[in-house]
Amino acid sequence: MEKGSTIELIYFDMGNKPATPKRDEILVKVMPPIDQTLVRWIARDVDRIYGFAPKKPRAIKPPEHYIEYMRLQGWLDVDLDDAELARLFK
């Protein structure tokens, strides 16, 4: 260190924060009246977006490294004649 230099100390507030005092106030949220036309429009829009499902979904093949990982984990070794799995293939 150079002669005459100063060291700055930084103190952090650590530990639990003091509890906030409880207030004797009651807060009430008041909602303005809702336009029913707007509600129907939003409901129809949400249904159109989130209710969408393709009619004929195509199966996609995962990348080769996914297949290799699943093979190493034993996830692809499935006995299709297993009695417990038979109900899934009906």
Protein backbone atom coordinates (compact mmCIF):
# COMPACT_ATOMS: atom_id res chain seq x y z
CA MET A 1 0.00 0.00 0.00
CA GLU A 2 1.07 3.52 -0.67
CA LYS A 3 1.79 5.86 2.15
CA GLY A 4 -1.22 7.91 3.12
CA SER A 5 -3.79 5.70 1.35
CA THR A 6 -7.02 4.99 3.14
CA ILE A 7 -9.00 1.79 3.34
CA GLU A 8 -12.72 2.11 2.90
CA LEU A 9 -14.83 -0.21 4.99
CA ILE A 10 -18.17 -1.25 3.63
CA TYR A 11 -20.74 -2.44 6.11
CA PHE A 12 -23.71 -4.47 4.96
CA ASP A 13 -27.00 -4.75 6.76
CA MET A 14 -27.23 -8.43 7.54
CA GLY A 15 -29.71 -10.47 9.50
CA ASN A 16 -33.44 -10.41 9.82
CA LYS A 17 -35.33 -7.28 9.00
CA PRO A 18 -37.42 -5.79 11.79
CA ALA A 19 -41.10 -6.65 11.65
CA THR A 20 -43.35 -3.96 10.32
CA PRO A 21 -45.90 -2.73 12.84
CA LYS A 22 -49.46 -3.89 12.22
CA ARG A 23 -51.84 -1.21 11.11
CA ASP A 24 -55.45 -0.83 12.14
CA GLU A 25 -56.45 0.05 8.59
CA ILE A 26 -58.55 -2.12 6.31
CA LEU A 27 -57.81 -1.76 2.62
CA VAL A 28 -60.69 -2.42 0.26
CA LYS A 29 -60.19 -2.88 -3.44
CA VAL A 30 -63.14 -1.71 -5.46
CA MET A 31 -63.49 -2.97 -9.00
CA PRO A 32 -65.31 -0.88 -11.56
CA PRO A 33 -68.20 -2.45 -13.49
CA ILE A 34 -67.09 -4.71 -16.34
CA ASP A 35 -68.42 -4.40 -19.85
CA GLN A 36 -70.02 -7.77 -20.68
CA THR A 37 -69.23 -7.39 -24.38
CA LEU A 38 -65.54 -7.05 -23.53
CA VAL A 39 -65.72 -10.11 -21.26
CA ARG A 40 -67.28 -12.21 -24.05
CA TRP A 41 -64.66 -10.98 -26.53
CA ILE A 42 -61.78 -11.82 -24.17
CA ALA A 43 -63.26 -15.24 -23.34
CA ARG A 44 -63.64 -16.06 -27.03
CA ASP A 45 -60.09 -14.87 -27.74
CA VAL A 46 -58.61 -16.91 -24.88
CA ASP A 47 -60.54 -19.98 -25.99
CA ARG A 48 -59.30 -19.52 -29.55
CA ILE A 49 -55.67 -19.24 -28.42
CA TYR A 50 -55.48 -21.84 -25.65
CA GLY A 51 -58.13 -24.21 -26.94
CA PHE A 52 -56.30 -24.75 -30.21
CA ALA A 53 -55.33 -28.33 -31.02
CA PRO A 54 -54.19 -29.54 -34.42
CA LYS A 55 -56.59 -31.99 -36.08
CA LYS A 56 -53.94 -34.45 -37.23
CA PRO A 57 -50.81 -34.00 -35.10
CA ARG A 58 -47.77 -35.53 -36.77
CA ALA A 59 -45.29 -37.61 -34.84
CA ILE A 60 -41.82 -36.10 -34.82
CA LYS A 61 -38.56 -37.94 -34.36
CA PRO A 62 -36.37 -36.59 -31.55
CA PRO A 63 -32.73 -35.75 -32.26
CA GLU A 64 -30.26 -38.63 -32.21
CA HIS A 65 -28.56 -37.52 -28.97
CA TYR A 66 -31.95 -37.63 -27.19
CA ILE A 67 -32.54 -41.16 -28.47
CA GLU A 68 -29.05 -42.23 -27.36
CA TYR A 69 -29.57 -40.76 -23.89
CA MET A 70 -32.94 -42.49 -23.54
CA ARG A 71 -31.41 -45.77 -24.69
CA LEU A 72 -28.58 -45.44 -22.12
CA GLN A 73 -31.12 -44.75 -19.35
CA GLY A 74 -33.17 -47.80 -20.34
CA TRP A 75 -36.23 -45.75 -21.23
CA LEU A 76 -36.56 -47.33 -24.67
CA ASP A 77 -36.51 -50.93 -23.39
CA VAL A 78 -40.26 -51.44 -23.11
CA ASP A 79 -41.92 -54.84 -23.33
CA LEU A 80 -45.10 -54.22 -25.31
CA ASP A 81 -46.53 -57.55 -24.10
CA ASP A 82 -46.41 -56.40 -20.46
CA ALA A 83 -49.81 -56.85 -18.77
CA GLU A 84 -49.54 -53.50 -16.95
CA LEU A 85 -48.92 -51.65 -20.23
CA ALA A 86 -51.58 -53.50 -22.23
CA ARG A 87 -54.32 -51.12 -21.08
CA LEU A 88 -52.37 -48.18 -22.56
CA PHE A 89 -52.29 -49.71 -26.03
CA LYS A 90 -56.00 -50.58 -26.30
